[in-house]
N, C-alpha and C. Protein backbone atom coordinates (compact mmCIF):
# COMPACT_ATOMS: atom_id res chain seq x y z
N UNK A 1 0.77 -1.09 -0.04
CA UNK A 1 0.07 0.12 -0.16
C UNK A 1 0.89 1.31 -0.03
N UNK A 2 0.79 2.16 -0.74
CA UNK A 2 0.82 3.16 -0.81
C UNK A 2 1.06 4.76 0.20
N UNK A 3 1.63 5.11 0.60
CA UNK A 3 1.64 6.06 2.02
C UNK A 3 2.01 6.95 1.48
N UNK A 4 0.58 8.28 1.14
CA UNK A 4 0.71 9.65 0.99
C UNK A 4 1.80 10.10 2.42
N UNK A 5 2.99 11.62 1.49
CA UNK A 5 3.57 12.21 2.65
C UNK A 5 3.32 13.79 3.04
N UNK A 6 2.81 13.76 3.97
CA UNK A 6 2.48 15.31 4.44
C UNK A 6 3.39 15.81 5.92
N UNK A 7 4.33 17.09 4.96
CA UNK A 7 4.71 17.95 6.01
C UNK A 7 3.93 18.69 6.99
N UNK A 8 4.35 18.65 7.83
CA UNK A 8 4.06 19.87 9.51
C UNK A 8 4.51 20.47 8.69
N UNK A 9 3.85 21.96 9.02
CA UNK A 9 3.41 23.34 8.90
C UNK A 9 5.32 23.93 9.05
N UNK A 10 5.08 23.46 10.20
CA UNK A 10 6.35 23.59 11.10
C UNK A 10 7.53 23.27 10.28
N UNK A 11 7.48 22.10 9.47
CA UNK A 11 8.60 22.06 8.50
C UNK A 11 9.93 22.79 7.57
N UNK A 12 8.51 23.94 6.68
CA UNK A 12 9.05 24.46 6.64
C UNK A 12 10.37 25.21 6.67
N UNK A 13 9.99 25.65 8.19
CA UNK A 13 11.10 26.76 9.03
C UNK A 13 12.20 25.73 9.02
N UNK A 14 12.13 24.50 9.26
CA UNK A 14 13.69 23.80 9.21
C UNK A 14 13.84 23.58 8.46
N UNK A 15 13.29 23.59 6.50
CA UNK A 15 14.16 23.68 5.50
C UNK A 15 14.40 25.06 4.75
N UNK A 16 14.25 26.63 5.61
CA UNK A 16 15.63 27.66 5.38
C UNK A 16 16.70 26.89 6.40
N UNK A 17 16.53 26.27 7.33
CA UNK A 17 18.49 26.39 7.71
C UNK A 17 18.97 24.93 6.69
N UNK A 18 18.48 24.00 5.85
CA UNK A 18 19.01 24.29 5.35
C UNK A 18 19.69 24.52 4.10
N UNK A 19 21.03 23.82 3.48
CA UNK A 19 21.50 23.96 1.89
C UNK A 19 20.13 23.81 1.23
N UNK A 20 20.19 23.67 -0.24
CA UNK A 20 19.48 23.41 -1.12
C UNK A 20 19.97 21.87 -1.73
N UNK A 21 20.88 22.01 -1.88
CA UNK A 21 21.31 20.60 -2.04
C UNK A 21 20.79 19.58 -0.58
N UNK A 22 20.68 20.09 0.55
CA UNK A 22 20.06 18.65 1.42
C UNK A 22 19.02 18.59 1.93
N UNK A 23 18.11 20.30 1.17
CA UNK A 23 16.80 19.98 0.54
C UNK A 23 16.23 18.83 0.15
N UNK A 24 17.16 18.96 -1.56
CA UNK A 24 16.74 17.92 -2.25
C UNK A 24 16.48 16.98 -2.07
N UNK A 25 18.00 16.56 -1.01
CA UNK A 25 18.12 15.73 -0.34
C UNK A 25 17.29 14.36 -0.08
N UNK A 26 16.78 15.60 1.30
CA UNK A 26 15.47 14.79 2.27
C UNK A 26 14.11 14.60 1.43
N UNK A 27 13.79 15.37 0.22
CA UNK A 27 12.81 15.28 -0.25
C UNK A 27 12.99 13.75 -1.31
N UNK A 28 13.48 14.02 -1.58
CA UNK A 28 14.28 12.66 -3.01
C UNK A 28 14.10 11.40 -1.56
N UNK A 29 14.87 11.05 -0.90
CA UNK A 29 14.84 10.07 0.15
C UNK A 29 13.61 9.88 1.27
N UNK A 30 12.89 11.17 0.88
CA UNK A 30 11.59 10.60 2.20
C UNK A 30 11.07 10.39 0.87
N UNK A 31 10.68 10.36 -0.23
CA UNK A 31 10.04 9.66 -0.93
C UNK A 31 10.04 8.37 -1.67
N UNK A 32 10.90 8.15 -1.30
CA UNK A 32 11.47 6.86 -2.00
C UNK A 32 11.79 5.91 -0.80
N UNK A 33 11.99 6.40 0.46
CA UNK A 33 11.97 5.44 1.53
C UNK A 33 10.86 5.52 2.50
N UNK A 34 9.71 6.31 2.36
CA UNK A 34 8.62 5.99 3.61
C UNK A 34 7.07 6.18 3.27
N UNK A 35 7.13 6.02 1.42
CA UNK A 35 6.14 5.72 -0.10
C UNK A 35 4.95 4.28 1.20
N UNK A 36 6.64 3.57 1.12
CA UNK A 36 6.47 2.32 1.05
C UNK A 36 6.47 1.56 2.28
N UNK A 37 6.06 0.86 2.94
CA UNK A 37 6.39 0.18 4.33
C UNK A 37 6.63 1.02 5.33
N UNK A 38 6.29 2.33 6.10
CA UNK A 38 6.76 3.19 6.37
C UNK A 38 7.89 2.24 7.76
N UNK A 39 7.07 1.85 8.50
CA UNK A 39 6.66 1.17 9.39
C UNK A 39 7.83 -0.06 10.05
N UNK A 40 8.72 -0.63 8.43
CA UNK A 40 9.59 -1.65 8.46
C UNK A 40 10.90 -0.93 9.19
N UNK A 41 11.35 -1.21 10.03
CA UNK A 41 12.99 -0.98 10.17
C UNK A 41 13.72 -1.07 9.16
N UNK A 42 14.77 -0.38 9.11
CA UNK A 42 16.14 -1.07 7.84
C UNK A 42 16.82 0.09 9.00
N UNK A 43 18.63 -0.21 8.51
CA UNK A 43 19.22 0.09 8.22
C UNK A 43 19.26 2.15 8.86
N UNK A 44 18.68 2.54 8.00
CA UNK A 44 18.35 3.90 8.13
C UNK A 44 17.10 4.08 8.93
N UNK A 45 16.26 3.59 9.28
CA UNK A 45 15.26 3.68 9.82
C UNK A 45 14.12 3.36 11.31
N UNK A 46 14.28 4.20 11.87
CA UNK A 46 13.91 3.39 13.32
C UNK A 46 13.27 3.75 14.41
N UNK A 47 11.96 2.80 14.97
CA UNK A 47 11.31 3.65 16.00
C UNK A 47 12.42 4.27 17.07
N UNK A 48 12.11 5.35 17.36
CA UNK A 48 12.61 6.19 18.79
C UNK A 48 12.14 6.19 20.22
N UNK A 49 12.70 5.96 21.02
CA UNK A 49 12.46 6.11 22.65
C UNK A 49 11.31 6.86 22.14
N UNK A 50 10.16 6.79 23.75
CA UNK A 50 9.11 8.26 23.76
C UNK A 50 10.32 9.75 23.89
N UNK A 51 10.17 10.26 22.95
CA UNK A 51 10.38 12.09 23.09
C UNK A 51 9.67 12.72 22.70
N UNK A 52 9.30 14.14 22.54
CA UNK A 52 8.61 15.71 22.55
C UNK A 52 8.12 15.52 20.15
N UNK A 53 9.30 14.89 20.01
CA UNK A 53 9.15 15.14 18.69
C UNK A 53 8.02 14.27 17.56
N UNK A 54 8.50 13.07 17.64
CA UNK A 54 7.80 11.40 16.74
C UNK A 54 8.61 11.04 16.73
N UNK A 55 7.42 9.51 16.85
CA UNK A 55 8.48 8.10 16.84
C UNK A 55 8.87 7.49 16.09
N UNK A 56 9.08 7.94 15.13
CA UNK A 56 9.83 7.52 14.11
C UNK A 56 11.82 8.42 13.53
N UNK A 57 12.52 8.33 13.36
CA UNK A 57 13.92 8.45 12.30
C UNK A 57 14.40 7.69 11.53
N UNK A 58 14.49 8.66 10.79
CA UNK A 58 14.35 8.50 10.02
C UNK A 58 16.37 8.64 9.23
N UNK A 59 17.14 8.03 8.84
CA UNK A 59 18.82 9.05 9.24
C UNK A 59 18.90 9.02 7.24
N UNK A 60 19.72 10.54 6.81
CA UNK A 60 20.19 10.84 5.69
C UNK A 60 21.36 11.07 6.42
N UNK A 61 22.39 10.39 6.48
CA UNK A 61 23.86 11.15 6.30
C UNK A 61 23.83 12.06 7.61
N UNK A 62 24.47 12.85 7.70
CA UNK A 62 24.44 13.61 9.00
C UNK A 62 22.70 14.71 9.33
N UNK A 63 21.84 14.40 8.72
CA UNK A 63 20.16 14.68 8.50
C UNK A 63 19.35 13.50 9.04
N UNK A 64 18.64 14.20 9.92
CA UNK A 64 17.28 13.20 10.33
C UNK A 64 16.06 13.73 10.00
N UNK A 65 15.21 13.16 9.72
CA UNK A 65 13.94 13.27 9.27
C UNK A 65 13.01 12.46 10.11
N UNK A 66 12.35 13.51 11.36
CA UNK A 66 11.03 12.60 12.20
C UNK A 66 9.82 13.00 12.12
N UNK A 67 9.64 11.62 12.30
CA UNK A 67 8.10 10.49 11.41
C UNK A 67 6.72 10.07 11.89
N UNK A 68 5.98 10.18 11.87
CA UNK A 68 4.80 9.21 12.55
C UNK A 68 4.07 8.79 11.05
N UNK A 69 3.51 7.89 11.69
CA UNK A 69 2.81 7.14 10.84
C UNK A 69 1.10 6.99 11.14
N UNK A 70 0.01 7.02 10.27
CA UNK A 70 -0.44 6.96 10.58
C UNK A 70 -1.24 5.37 9.33
N UNK A 71 -2.44 4.78 9.72
CA UNK A 71 -2.67 3.58 9.21
C UNK A 71 -5.03 3.54 8.74
N UNK A 72 -5.04 4.40 9.43
CA UNK A 72 -6.24 4.55 9.72
C UNK A 72 -6.73 5.94 9.48
N UNK A 73 -7.79 6.46 8.48
CA UNK A 73 -8.90 5.68 8.25
C UNK A 73 -7.53 6.12 6.73
N UNK A 74 -6.90 6.64 6.51
CA UNK A 74 -5.93 6.74 5.28
C UNK A 74 -4.17 6.37 5.11
N UNK A 75 -3.57 5.58 4.26
CA UNK A 75 -2.26 5.85 4.47
C UNK A 75 -1.22 7.22 4.78
N UNK A 76 -0.36 7.88 5.59
CA UNK A 76 -0.37 9.15 5.86
C UNK A 76 0.85 8.65 6.29
N UNK A 77 2.15 9.51 6.12
CA UNK A 77 3.44 9.44 6.73
C UNK A 77 3.03 11.10 6.43
N UNK A 78 2.80 11.51 8.53
CA UNK A 78 3.32 12.88 8.78
C UNK A 78 4.63 12.78 9.41
N UNK A 79 5.53 14.03 8.08
CA UNK A 79 6.37 14.71 8.50
C UNK A 79 6.82 15.47 9.62
N UNK A 80 7.00 15.35 11.08
CA UNK A 80 7.01 16.34 11.94
C UNK A 80 7.89 17.19 12.14
N UNK A 81 9.38 16.54 11.90
CA UNK A 81 11.23 17.50 12.38
C UNK A 81 12.01 17.13 11.32
N UNK A 82 12.55 18.37 10.86
CA UNK A 82 13.99 17.60 10.10
C UNK A 82 15.02 18.61 10.99
N UNK A 83 16.17 18.16 10.60
CA UNK A 83 17.21 18.41 11.17
C UNK A 83 18.40 17.75 11.09
N UNK A 84 19.55 18.61 11.44
CA UNK A 84 20.55 18.07 11.65
C UNK A 84 21.58 17.97 12.81
N UNK A 85 22.26 16.71 12.64
CA UNK A 85 22.43 15.40 13.80
C UNK A 85 24.16 16.60 13.38
N UNK A 86 24.14 16.77 15.31
CA UNK A 86 25.65 17.35 15.59
C UNK A 86 25.99 16.44 17.23
N UNK A 87 26.58 15.56 16.61
CA UNK A 87 27.51 14.89 18.07
C UNK A 87 25.70 14.51 18.92
N UNK A 88 25.81 14.23 20.19
CA UNK A 88 24.08 14.30 20.69
C UNK A 88 22.87 14.94 21.01
N UNK A 89 23.22 16.00 19.96
CA UNK A 89 22.22 16.55 20.06
C UNK A 89 22.21 16.85 18.39
N UNK A 90 20.92 17.82 18.02
CA UNK A 90 20.17 17.74 16.53
C UNK A 90 19.22 18.73 16.68
N UNK A 91 20.33 19.79 15.37
CA UNK A 91 19.98 21.15 15.06
C UNK A 91 18.33 21.07 14.40
N UNK A 92 17.38 21.48 14.65
CA UNK A 92 15.83 21.51 14.13
C UNK A 92 15.29 22.75 14.48
N UNK A 93 15.86 23.63 12.84
CA UNK A 93 15.43 24.98 12.58
C UNK A 93 16.03 25.55 13.17
N UNK A 94 15.96 26.95 14.20
CA UNK A 94 17.18 27.12 14.62
C UNK A 94 18.02 26.84 16.40
N UNK A 95 16.64 25.43 17.07
CA UNK A 95 16.46 24.90 18.09
C UNK A 95 17.26 23.81 17.95
N UNK A 96 18.24 23.68 19.01
CA UNK A 96 18.92 22.24 19.90
C UNK A 96 18.30 21.63 20.18
N UNK A 97 18.29 20.65 20.33
CA UNK A 97 17.44 19.88 20.69
C UNK A 97 18.36 18.59 20.86
N UNK A 98 18.17 17.53 22.74
CA UNK A 98 18.89 17.03 23.18
C UNK A 98 18.35 15.09 23.33
N UNK A 99 18.37 14.76 22.64
CA UNK A 99 17.58 13.30 22.14
C UNK A 99 18.48 12.11 22.55
């Protein structure tokens, strides 16, 4: 089953911090990795410990995409946040979060 990808309004601000190349990489990878079977754990996709951002993480090099999955009433992947991993912290937009 194909999932629809939906970006939260906050992700627009998260994209402004990224370079154009990083933005294109995120958009392409999200489309390839999350349209089919987004809840299947892979090398770059994993469920996260409880946190205030999202239950799933997609790793793209030093970039991180945090998302949530809904199967009912329709198949949707909600992109909640996009950030850059820096050691033990993630910079999402202009905010630094320790995960």
